[in-house]
Amino acid sequence: MPTPGEKLRALLESGEHFVCGDVFSAITGRIVEHVGFPAAYLGGHACSAFHYAVPDNGVYSQVEQIEQAARIAHVMSIPLIADADTLGETVADAYHFTRRYIQQGIAGFHVEDERNPKHSKHVNGLCAIEDQQARIDAARRAQRDSGQDFVIIARCDELYTSEMGGGGTGSMEEAIKRGHAYMEAGADALFYPPRPDWVPELVKAFGSKIPVATMGFSLPDTAFNMATGGWVTAAANHLKLMRELKEEGRMLSGNFNFPEKYELIEHPLYDGLIEEWAEKTGRPTRPNHAP
């Protein structure tokens, strides 16, 4: 059986555009696979907000991200890409965390070049090119030492400007320069968050100067895209339902049953194990409860 990293690399090398479905929990991982996505994506913002209720500015750790990513990867057969932020503060961190991602069955990650605390009030800027190259090189060493394939994606935030909440200046030339440097350090693909003027023609012209697979958030003319925002919709729906319950005494717009409800969890497996155990040990049983 191919490893998660091998599955993801096969998608990259196929030359076909693909989309990674947005996940933020084990059940959403099952949903993404169930509807037919070839791969899944766990964003740092989705994980920090949904599981820890903290902002995406580096306050939650790689240990926490790996823990949540592992829970998702273990219930899917499709490959999972994780947002690995900056992979810690040192090259030793980058090496260690990469090994942990691989050990937990993650197919690949993206590591970014923005300084911590990122996406915050602090105008932080990007790290030196050499520092990001060192992180990528340490991650590649960890991959080789693991003996397993693993896809390393370098995220360049040069186009994600300070006005947008990022650390870049918006320079296309600098973004291309950084991209080539990251490829030289061992990155398999590049990820550029979009600019406000990121129209298809500009994406295509930019991509022609990057001879490697590129990814983005719902961008055309890239090798693969990541769908995001599922956790926001889930939180908004929960807020609506709780307001209804508080104000009306009941939830008027909830959907509490749907055909795939038990297909998304291993309900028959565990019910079957319990039934077999009860019958073998002479314990009483009853008909399966209604869905």
C-alpha atoms as a PDB file:
ATOM      1  CA  MET A   1       0.000   0.000   0.000  1.00  0.00           C
ATOM      2  CA  PRO A   2       1.340   3.483  -0.822  1.00  0.00           C
ATOM      3  CA  THR A   3       2.119   5.757   2.091  1.00  0.00           C
ATOM      4  CA  PRO A   4       0.232   9.044   2.561  1.00  0.00           C
ATOM      5  CA  GLY A   5       3.209  10.932   1.176  1.00  0.00           C
ATOM      6  CA  GLU A   6       3.329   8.701  -1.888  1.00  0.00           C
ATOM      7  CA  LYS A   7      -0.383   9.249  -2.512  1.00  0.00           C
ATOM      8  CA  LEU A   8       0.040  13.018  -2.360  1.00  0.00           C
ATOM      9  CA  ARG A   9       3.111  12.980  -4.584  1.00  0.00           C
ATOM     10  CA  ALA A  10       1.233  10.895  -7.145  1.00  0.00           C
ATOM     11  CA  LEU A  11      -1.446  13.595  -7.262  1.00  0.00           C
ATOM     12  CA  LEU A  12       1.207  16.265  -7.785  1.00  0.00           C
ATOM     13  CA  GLU A  13       2.981  14.314 -10.503  1.00  0.00           C
ATOM     14  CA  SER A  14      -0.224  13.491 -12.371  1.00  0.00           C
ATOM     15  CA  GLY A  15      -0.267  16.983 -13.813  1.00  0.00           C
ATOM     16  CA  GLU A  16      -3.996  17.239 -13.132  1.00  0.00           C
ATOM     17  CA  HIS A  17      -5.420  20.092 -11.102  1.00  0.00           C
ATOM     18  CA  PHE A  18      -6.987  18.953  -7.819  1.00  0.00           C
ATOM     19  CA  VAL A  19      -8.664  20.475  -4.785  1.00  0.00           C
ATOM     20  CA  CYS A  20      -8.019  19.607  -1.131  1.00  0.00           C
ATOM     21  CA  GLY A  21     -11.228  19.626   0.919  1.00  0.00           C
ATOM     22  CA  ASP A  22     -11.241  21.680   4.111  1.00  0.00           C
ATOM     23  CA  VAL A  23     -11.112  19.688   7.362  1.00  0.00           C
ATOM     24  CA  PHE A  24     -10.871  20.650  11.022  1.00  0.00           C
ATOM     25  CA  SER A  25     -11.933  17.460  12.853  1.00  0.00           C
ATOM     26  CA  ALA A  26     -12.137  13.710  12.346  1.00  0.00           C
ATOM     27  CA  ILE A  27     -15.768  13.799  11.209  1.00  0.00           C
ATOM     28  CA  THR A  28     -15.043  16.548   8.663  1.00  0.00           C
ATOM     29  CA  GLY A  29     -12.184  14.404   7.380  1.00  0.00           C
ATOM     30  CA  ARG A  30     -14.652  11.575   6.819  1.00  0.00           C
ATOM     31  CA  ILE A  31     -17.011  13.975   5.045  1.00  0.00           C
ATOM     32  CA  VAL A  32     -14.308  15.263   2.687  1.00  0.00           C
ATOM     33  CA  GLU A  33     -13.365  11.719   1.716  1.00  0.00           C
ATOM     34  CA  HIS A  34     -17.006  10.622   1.509  1.00  0.00           C
ATOM     35  CA  VAL A  35     -17.930  13.257  -1.073  1.00  0.00           C
ATOM     36  CA  GLY A  36     -14.938  12.372  -3.247  1.00  0.00           C
ATOM     37  CA  PHE A  37     -12.083  14.805  -2.681  1.00  0.00           C
ATOM     38  CA  PRO A  38      -8.683  13.261  -3.526  1.00  0.00           C
ATOM     39  CA  ALA A  39      -6.927  15.013  -0.616  1.00  0.00           C
ATOM     40  CA  ALA A  40      -7.683  17.079   2.484  1.00  0.00           C
ATOM     41  CA  TYR A  41      -6.259  20.221   4.080  1.00  0.00           C
ATOM     42  CA  LEU A  42      -6.050  21.241   7.741  1.00  0.00           C
ATOM     43  CA  GLY A  43      -5.395  24.962   8.124  1.00  0.00           C
ATOM     44  CA  GLY A  44      -3.732  26.470  11.152  1.00  0.00           C
ATOM     45  CA  HIS A  45      -6.507  29.028  11.574  1.00  0.00           C
ATOM     46  CA  ALA A  46      -9.147  26.292  11.434  1.00  0.00           C
ATOM     47  CA  CYS A  47      -7.345  24.217  14.050  1.00  0.00           C
ATOM     48  CA  SER A  48      -6.451  27.033  16.450  1.00  0.00           C
ATOM     49  CA  ALA A  49      -9.933  28.548  16.321  1.00  0.00           C
ATOM     50  CA  PHE A  50     -12.063  25.416  16.332  1.00  0.00           C
ATOM     51  CA  HIS A  51     -10.144  23.390  18.920  1.00  0.00           C
ATOM     52  CA  TYR A  52      -8.509  26.029  21.119  1.00  0.00           C
ATOM     53  CA  ALA A  53     -10.437  29.273  20.478  1.00  0.00           C
ATOM     54  CA  VAL A  54      -7.225  31.243  19.955  1.00  0.00           C
ATOM     55  CA  PRO A  55      -6.166  33.368  16.962  1.00  0.00           C
ATOM     56  CA  ASP A  56      -3.858  32.212  14.193  1.00  0.00           C
ATOM     57  CA  ASN A  57      -0.856  34.220  15.337  1.00  0.00           C
ATOM     58  CA  GLY A  58       1.441  31.463  16.533  1.00  0.00           C
ATOM     59  CA  VAL A  59       0.192  31.098  20.109  1.00  0.00           C
ATOM     60  CA  TYR A  60      -0.771  27.459  19.758  1.00  0.00           C
ATOM     61  CA  SER A  61       2.014  24.961  19.226  1.00  0.00           C
ATOM     62  CA  GLN A  62       3.080  22.446  16.636  1.00  0.00           C
ATOM     63  CA  VAL A  63       2.460  19.738  19.235  1.00  0.00           C
ATOM     64  CA  GLU A  64      -1.219  20.708  19.290  1.00  0.00           C
ATOM     65  CA  GLN A  65      -1.416  20.933  15.496  1.00  0.00           C
ATOM     66  CA  ILE A  66       0.185  17.509  15.056  1.00  0.00           C
ATOM     67  CA  GLU A  67      -2.218  16.007  17.601  1.00  0.00           C
ATOM     68  CA  GLN A  68      -5.274  17.266  15.722  1.00  0.00           C
ATOM     69  CA  ALA A  69      -3.817  16.398  12.305  1.00  0.00           C
ATOM     70  CA  ALA A  70      -3.158  12.834  13.462  1.00  0.00           C
ATOM     71  CA  ARG A  71      -6.762  12.361  14.574  1.00  0.00           C
ATOM     72  CA  ILE A  72      -7.937  13.379  11.123  1.00  0.00           C
ATOM     73  CA  ALA A  73      -5.356  11.442   9.115  1.00  0.00           C
ATOM     74  CA  HIS A  74      -6.082   8.232  11.024  1.00  0.00           C
ATOM     75  CA  VAL A  75      -9.731   8.111   9.891  1.00  0.00           C
ATOM     76  CA  MET A  76      -9.108   8.804   6.199  1.00  0.00           C
ATOM     77  CA  SER A  77      -7.494   6.920   3.352  1.00  0.00           C
ATOM     78  CA  ILE A  78      -6.869  10.097   1.327  1.00  0.00           C
ATOM     79  CA  PRO A  79      -3.716  12.177   2.003  1.00  0.00           C
ATOM     80  CA  LEU A  80      -3.784  15.110   4.418  1.00  0.00           C
ATOM     81  CA  ILE A  81      -1.810  18.342   4.050  1.00  0.00           C
ATOM     82  CA  ALA A  82      -1.287  20.259   7.299  1.00  0.00           C
ATOM     83  CA  ASP A  83      -0.445  23.883   7.945  1.00  0.00           C
ATOM     84  CA  ALA A  84       2.811  23.687   9.923  1.00  0.00           C
ATOM     85  CA  ASP A  85       3.230  27.434  10.488  1.00  0.00           C
ATOM     86  CA  THR A  86       6.974  28.126  10.872  1.00  0.00           C
ATOM     87  CA  LEU A  87       7.864  24.638  12.197  1.00  0.00           C
ATOM     88  CA  GLY A  88       9.102  26.132  15.446  1.00  0.00           C
ATOM     89  CA  GLU A  89      11.945  28.518  16.148  1.00  0.00           C
ATOM     90  CA  THR A  90      15.059  26.553  15.228  1.00  0.00           C
ATOM     91  CA  VAL A  91      16.248  24.023  12.656  1.00  0.00           C
ATOM     92  CA  ALA A  92      16.174  21.405  15.424  1.00  0.00           C
ATOM     93  CA  ASP A  93      12.454  22.144  15.883  1.00  0.00           C
ATOM     94  CA  ALA A  94      11.913  21.849  12.136  1.00  0.00           C
ATOM     95  CA  TYR A  95      13.634  18.466  12.040  1.00  0.00           C
ATOM     96  CA  HIS A  96      11.816  17.124  15.095  1.00  0.00           C
ATOM     97  CA  PHE A  97       8.332  18.265  14.102  1.00  0.00           C
ATOM     98  CA  THR A  98       8.734  16.966  10.548  1.00  0.00           C
ATOM     99  CA  ARG A  99       9.498  13.513  11.935  1.00  0.00           C
ATOM    100  CA  ARG A 100       6.412  13.732  14.128  1.00  0.00           C
ATOM    101  CA  TYR A 101       4.180  14.689  11.190  1.00  0.00           C
ATOM    102  CA  ILE A 102       5.495  11.741   9.185  1.00  0.00           C
ATOM    103  CA  GLN A 103       5.084   9.325  12.089  1.00  0.00           C
ATOM    104  CA  GLN A 104       1.448  10.368  12.474  1.00  0.00           C
ATOM    105  CA  GLY A 105       0.580   9.617   8.851  1.00  0.00           C
ATOM    106  CA  ILE A 106       0.441  13.160   7.495  1.00  0.00           C
ATOM    107  CA  ALA A 107       1.177  13.311   3.760  1.00  0.00           C
ATOM    108  CA  GLY A 108       2.762  16.750   3.669  1.00  0.00           C
ATOM    109  CA  PHE A 109       2.759  20.234   5.150  1.00  0.00           C
ATOM    110  CA  HIS A 110       3.460  23.831   4.285  1.00  0.00           C
ATOM    111  CA  VAL A 111       5.993  25.843   6.260  1.00  0.00           C
ATOM    112  CA  GLU A 112       5.814  29.627   6.076  1.00  0.00           C
ATOM    113  CA  ASP A 113       8.391  32.390   6.048  1.00  0.00           C
ATOM    114  CA  GLU A 114       6.628  34.983   8.203  1.00  0.00           C
ATOM    115  CA  ARG A 115       8.124  35.875  11.568  1.00  0.00           C
ATOM    116  CA  ASN A 116       6.182  35.215  14.766  1.00  0.00           C
ATOM    117  CA  PRO A 117       3.933  36.572  16.106  1.00  0.00           C
ATOM    118  CA  LYS A 118       2.299  36.418  12.694  1.00  0.00           C
ATOM    119  CA  HIS A 119      -1.096  37.768  11.567  1.00  0.00           C
ATOM    120  CA  SER A 120      -1.140  40.117  14.541  1.00  0.00           C
ATOM    121  CA  LYS A 121      -0.864  43.827  15.411  1.00  0.00           C
ATOM    122  CA  HIS A 122       2.916  43.451  15.303  1.00  0.00           C
ATOM    123  CA  VAL A 123       4.435  44.436  11.948  1.00  0.00           C
ATOM    124  CA  ASN A 124       6.798  41.508  11.788  1.00  0.00           C
ATOM    125  CA  GLY A 125       7.959  41.047   8.203  1.00  0.00           C
ATOM    126  CA  LEU A 126       9.393  37.861   6.724  1.00  0.00           C
ATOM    127  CA  CYS A 127      12.377  35.877   7.888  1.00  0.00           C
ATOM    128  CA  ALA A 128      15.635  35.961   5.930  1.00  0.00           C
ATOM    129  CA  ILE A 129      15.674  33.743   2.854  1.00  0.00           C
ATOM    130  CA  GLU A 130      18.566  31.787   4.358  1.00  0.00           C
ATOM    131  CA  ASP A 131      16.560  31.054   7.507  1.00  0.00           C
ATOM    132  CA  GLN A 132      13.626  29.664   5.523  1.00  0.00           C
ATOM    133  CA  GLN A 133      16.017  27.605   3.416  1.00  0.00           C
ATOM    134  CA  ALA A 134      17.502  26.187   6.615  1.00  0.00           C
ATOM    135  CA  ARG A 135      14.030  25.155   7.846  1.00  0.00           C
ATOM    136  CA  ILE A 136      13.241  23.458   4.536  1.00  0.00           C
ATOM    137  CA  ASP A 137      16.605  21.697   4.507  1.00  0.00           C
ATOM    138  CA  ALA A 138      16.069  20.425   8.070  1.00  0.00           C
ATOM    139  CA  ALA A 139      12.614  19.144   7.115  1.00  0.00           C
ATOM    140  CA  ARG A 140      14.041  17.392   4.058  1.00  0.00           C
ATOM    141  CA  ARG A 141      16.723  15.745   6.223  1.00  0.00           C
ATOM    142  CA  ALA A 142      14.038  14.485   8.575  1.00  0.00           C
ATOM    143  CA  GLN A 143      12.095  13.092   5.609  1.00  0.00           C
ATOM    144  CA  ARG A 144      15.133  11.252   4.272  1.00  0.00           C
ATOM    145  CA  ASP A 145      15.995   9.885   7.717  1.00  0.00           C
ATOM    146  CA  SER A 146      12.417   8.632   8.127  1.00  0.00           C
ATOM    147  CA  GLY A 147      12.663   6.511   4.990  1.00  0.00           C
ATOM    148  CA  GLN A 148       9.190   7.644   3.880  1.00  0.00           C
ATOM    149  CA  ASP A 149       7.998  10.004   1.199  1.00  0.00           C
ATOM    150  CA  PHE A 150       6.685  13.337   2.471  1.00  0.00           C
ATOM    151  CA  VAL A 151       5.704  16.449   0.509  1.00  0.00           C
ATOM    152  CA  ILE A 152       7.275  19.696   1.707  1.00  0.00           C
ATOM    153  CA  ILE A 153       5.489  22.846   0.577  1.00  0.00           C
ATOM    154  CA  ALA A 154       7.133  26.222   1.154  1.00  0.00           C
ATOM    155  CA  ARG A 155       4.691  29.039   1.853  1.00  0.00           C
ATOM    156  CA  CYS A 156       5.881  32.472   0.751  1.00  0.00           C
ATOM    157  CA  ASP A 157       3.991  35.403   2.270  1.00  0.00           C
ATOM    158  CA  GLU A 158       5.728  38.104   0.226  1.00  0.00           C
ATOM    159  CA  LEU A 159       2.466  38.839  -1.601  1.00  0.00           C
ATOM    160  CA  TYR A 160       0.528  38.831   1.702  1.00  0.00           C
ATOM    161  CA  THR A 161       1.132  42.452   2.635  1.00  0.00           C
ATOM    162  CA  SER A 162       1.131  44.217   5.985  1.00  0.00           C
ATOM    163  CA  GLU A 163      -2.099  46.003   5.031  1.00  0.00           C
ATOM    164  CA  MET A 164      -3.729  42.594   4.565  1.00  0.00           C
ATOM    165  CA  GLY A 165      -2.408  41.334   7.909  1.00  0.00           C
ATOM    166  CA  GLY A 166       0.629  39.517   6.547  1.00  0.00           C
ATOM    167  CA  GLY A 167       4.352  40.149   6.574  1.00  0.00           C
ATOM    168  CA  GLY A 168       5.166  40.787   2.923  1.00  0.00           C
ATOM    169  CA  THR A 169       5.683  43.894   0.810  1.00  0.00           C
ATOM    170  CA  GLY A 170       3.719  42.740  -2.240  1.00  0.00           C
ATOM    171  CA  SER A 171       6.747  42.548  -4.521  1.00  0.00           C
ATOM    172  CA  MET A 172       6.275  40.029  -7.341  1.00  0.00           C
ATOM    173  CA  GLU A 173      10.033  40.017  -8.018  1.00  0.00           C
ATOM    174  CA  GLU A 174      10.853  39.226  -4.382  1.00  0.00           C
ATOM    175  CA  ALA A 175       8.182  36.512  -4.289  1.00  0.00           C
ATOM    176  CA  ILE A 176       9.700  34.843  -7.353  1.00  0.00           C
ATOM    177  CA  LYS A 177      13.208  35.169  -5.899  1.00  0.00           C
ATOM    178  CA  ARG A 178      12.125  33.569  -2.646  1.00  0.00           C
ATOM    179  CA  GLY A 179      10.268  30.811  -4.479  1.00  0.00           C
ATOM    180  CA  HIS A 180      13.358  29.790  -6.427  1.00  0.00           C
ATOM    181  CA  ALA A 181      15.467  29.864  -3.249  1.00  0.00           C
ATOM    182  CA  TYR A 182      12.988  27.638  -1.425  1.00  0.00           C
ATOM    183  CA  MET A 183      12.952  25.183  -4.309  1.00  0.00           C
ATOM    184  CA  GLU A 184      16.752  25.026  -4.214  1.00  0.00           C
ATOM    185  CA  ALA A 185      16.542  24.172  -0.500  1.00  0.00           C
ATOM    186  CA  GLY A 186      14.349  21.143  -1.219  1.00  0.00           C
ATOM    187  CA  ALA A 187      10.717  22.297  -1.379  1.00  0.00           C
ATOM    188  CA  ASP A 188       8.446  20.131  -3.534  1.00  0.00           C
ATOM    189  CA  ALA A 189       5.846  22.863  -4.131  1.00  0.00           C
ATOM    190  CA  LEU A 190       5.207  26.507  -3.351  1.00  0.00           C
ATOM    191  CA  PHE A 191       2.222  28.201  -1.762  1.00  0.00           C
ATOM    192  CA  TYR A 192       1.472  31.888  -2.282  1.00  0.00           C
ATOM    193  CA  PRO A 193      -1.504  33.480  -0.484  1.00  0.00           C
ATOM    194  CA  PRO A 194      -3.322  35.690  -3.014  1.00  0.00           C
ATOM    195  CA  ARG A 195      -3.092  39.431  -3.494  1.00  0.00           C
ATOM    196  CA  PRO A 196      -6.276  41.536  -3.860  1.00  0.00           C
ATOM    197  CA  ASP A 197      -5.532  41.900  -7.595  1.00  0.00           C
ATOM    198  CA  TRP A 198      -4.836  38.171  -8.028  1.00  0.00           C
ATOM    199  CA  VAL A 199      -6.778  37.808 -11.282  1.00  0.00           C
ATOM    200  CA  PRO A 200      -6.372  34.680 -13.458  1.00  0.00           C
ATOM    201  CA  GLU A 201      -4.102  36.435 -15.971  1.00  0.00           C
ATOM    202  CA  LEU A 202      -1.747  37.577 -13.226  1.00  0.00           C
ATOM    203  CA  VAL A 203      -1.694  34.124 -11.637  1.00  0.00           C
ATOM    204  CA  LYS A 204      -0.840  32.529 -14.959  1.00  0.00           C
ATOM    205  CA  ALA A 205       1.961  35.011 -15.696  1.00  0.00           C
ATOM    206  CA  PHE A 206       3.371  34.589 -12.199  1.00  0.00           C
ATOM    207  CA  GLY A 207       3.168  30.789 -12.353  1.00  0.00           C
ATOM    208  CA  SER A 208       5.094  30.686 -15.623  1.00  0.00           C
ATOM    209  CA  LYS A 209       8.129  31.967 -13.711  1.00  0.00           C
ATOM    210  CA  ILE A 210       7.901  29.221 -11.088  1.00  0.00           C
ATOM    211  CA  PRO A 211       8.892  25.813 -12.552  1.00  0.00           C
ATOM    212  CA  VAL A 212       7.313  23.778  -9.750  1.00  0.00           C
ATOM    213  CA  ALA A 213       3.826  22.935  -8.533  1.00  0.00           C
ATOM    214  CA  THR A 214       2.063  25.861  -6.875  1.00  0.00           C
ATOM    215  CA  MET A 215      -0.935  25.886  -4.589  1.00  0.00           C
ATOM    216  CA  GLY A 216      -3.348  28.553  -3.427  1.00  0.00           C
ATOM    217  CA  PHE A 217      -6.730  29.320  -1.919  1.00  0.00           C
ATOM    218  CA  SER A 218      -9.227  28.799  -4.758  1.00  0.00           C
ATOM    219  CA  LEU A 219      -6.845  30.178  -7.378  1.00  0.00           C
ATOM    220  CA  PRO A 220      -7.095  29.160 -11.037  1.00  0.00           C
ATOM    221  CA  ASP A 221      -3.986  28.190 -13.010  1.00  0.00           C
ATOM    222  CA  THR A 222      -2.347  26.583  -9.970  1.00  0.00           C
ATOM    223  CA  ALA A 223      -1.483  22.911  -9.582  1.00  0.00           C
ATOM    224  CA  PHE A 224      -3.830  22.446  -6.650  1.00  0.00           C
ATOM    225  CA  ASN A 225      -6.089  24.487  -4.408  1.00  0.00           C
ATOM    226  CA  MET A 226      -7.208  24.285  -0.822  1.00  0.00           C
ATOM    227  CA  ALA A 227     -10.796  24.889   0.206  1.00  0.00           C
ATOM    228  CA  THR A 228     -11.018  26.776   3.515  1.00  0.00           C
ATOM    229  CA  GLY A 229     -13.645  28.242   5.811  1.00  0.00           C
ATOM    230  CA  GLY A 230     -15.540  25.118   6.856  1.00  0.00           C
ATOM    231  CA  TRP A 231     -14.957  25.807  10.533  1.00  0.00           C
ATOM    232  CA  VAL A 232     -16.349  29.335  10.122  1.00  0.00           C
ATOM    233  CA  THR A 233     -19.586  27.979   8.637  1.00  0.00           C
ATOM    234  CA  ALA A 234     -19.824  25.350  11.371  1.00  0.00           C
ATOM    235  CA  ALA A 235     -19.327  27.939  14.110  1.00  0.00           C
ATOM    236  CA  ALA A 236     -21.838  30.317  12.520  1.00  0.00           C
ATOM    237  CA  ASN A 237     -24.458  27.571  12.282  1.00  0.00           C
ATOM    238  CA  HIS A 238     -23.875  26.554  15.904  1.00  0.00           C
ATOM    239  CA  LEU A 239     -24.220  30.175  17.017  1.00  0.00           C
ATOM    240  CA  LYS A 240     -27.513  30.431  15.125  1.00  0.00           C
ATOM    241  CA  LEU A 241     -28.867  27.220  16.673  1.00  0.00           C
ATOM    242  CA  MET A 242     -27.870  28.219  20.207  1.00  0.00           C
ATOM    243  CA  ARG A 243     -29.503  31.623  19.798  1.00  0.00           C
ATOM    244  CA  GLU A 244     -32.688  29.917  18.621  1.00  0.00           C
ATOM    245  CA  LEU A 245     -32.633  27.577  21.616  1.00  0.00           C
ATOM    246  CA  LYS A 246     -32.032  30.432  24.039  1.00  0.00           C
ATOM    247  CA  GLU A 247     -34.635  32.775  22.547  1.00  0.00           C
ATOM    248  CA  GLU A 248     -37.308  30.334  21.300  1.00  0.00           C
ATOM    249  CA  GLY A 249     -36.842  27.382  23.637  1.00  0.00           C
ATOM    250  CA  ARG A 250     -36.178  25.060  20.691  1.00  0.00           C
ATOM    251  CA  MET A 251     -33.948  24.816  17.647  1.00  0.00           C
ATOM    252  CA  LEU A 252     -36.021  25.586  14.557  1.00  0.00           C
ATOM    253  CA  SER A 253     -33.454  25.267  11.768  1.00  0.00           C
ATOM    254  CA  GLY A 254     -31.329  22.315  12.858  1.00  0.00           C
ATOM    255  CA  ASN A 255     -30.779  19.234  10.717  1.00  0.00           C
ATOM    256  CA  PHE A 256     -30.545  16.386  13.195  1.00  0.00           C
ATOM    257  CA  ASN A 257     -30.707  13.486  10.782  1.00  0.00           C
ATOM    258  CA  PHE A 258     -29.411  12.879   7.284  1.00  0.00           C
ATOM    259  CA  PRO A 259     -28.836   9.720   5.202  1.00  0.00           C
ATOM    260  CA  GLU A 260     -25.046   9.559   5.657  1.00  0.00           C
ATOM    261  CA  LYS A 261     -25.181  10.140   9.414  1.00  0.00           C
ATOM    262  CA  TYR A 262     -23.924   6.693  10.398  1.00  0.00           C
ATOM    263  CA  GLU A 263     -21.849   6.147   7.279  1.00  0.00           C
ATOM    264  CA  LEU A 264     -19.462   8.808   8.522  1.00  0.00           C
ATOM    265  CA  ILE A 265     -18.726   7.038  11.788  1.00  0.00           C
ATOM    266  CA  GLU A 266     -17.888   3.383  12.408  1.00  0.00           C
ATOM    267  CA  HIS A 267     -21.298   2.774  13.903  1.00  0.00           C
ATOM    268  CA  PRO A 268     -21.961  -0.764  12.498  1.00  0.00           C
ATOM    269  CA  LEU A 269     -18.444  -1.904  13.409  1.00  0.00           C
ATOM    270  CA  TYR A 270     -18.678  -0.977  17.076  1.00  0.00           C
ATOM    271  CA  ASP A 271     -22.306  -2.054  17.427  1.00  0.00           C
ATOM    272  CA  GLY A 272     -21.325  -5.384  15.873  1.00  0.00           C
ATOM    273  CA  LEU A 273     -18.437  -5.870  18.281  1.00  0.00           C
ATOM    274  CA  ILE A 274     -20.658  -5.123  21.267  1.00  0.00           C
ATOM    275  CA  GLU A 275     -23.395  -7.457  20.006  1.00  0.00           C
ATOM    276  CA  GLU A 276     -20.896 -10.294  19.436  1.00  0.00           C
ATOM    277  CA  TRP A 277     -19.377  -9.791  22.897  1.00  0.00           C
ATOM    278  CA  ALA A 278     -22.823  -9.759  24.556  1.00  0.00           C
ATOM    279  CA  GLU A 279     -23.940 -12.943  22.806  1.00  0.00           C
ATOM    280  CA  LYS A 280     -20.704 -14.814  23.560  1.00  0.00           C
ATOM    281  CA  THR A 281     -20.838 -13.917  27.246  1.00  0.00           C
ATOM    282  CA  GLY A 282     -24.559 -14.577  27.681  1.00  0.00           C
ATOM    283  CA  ARG A 283     -25.477 -10.957  28.217  1.00  0.00           C
ATOM    284  CA  PRO A 284     -28.890  -9.727  27.079  1.00  0.00           C
ATOM    285  CA  THR A 285     -29.209  -7.950  23.720  1.00  0.00           C
ATOM    286  CA  ARG A 286     -31.880  -5.799  22.091  1.00  0.00           C
ATOM    287  CA  PRO A 287     -32.719  -4.708  18.547  1.00  0.00           C
ATOM    288  CA  ASN A 288     -30.485  -1.991  17.147  1.00  0.00           C
ATOM    289  CA  HIS A 289     -31.693   1.454  18.144  1.00  0.00           C
ATOM    290  CA  ALA A 290     -33.266   3.586  15.460  1.00  0.00           C
ATOM    291  CA  PRO A 291     -30.907   5.896  13.565  1.00  0.00           C
END
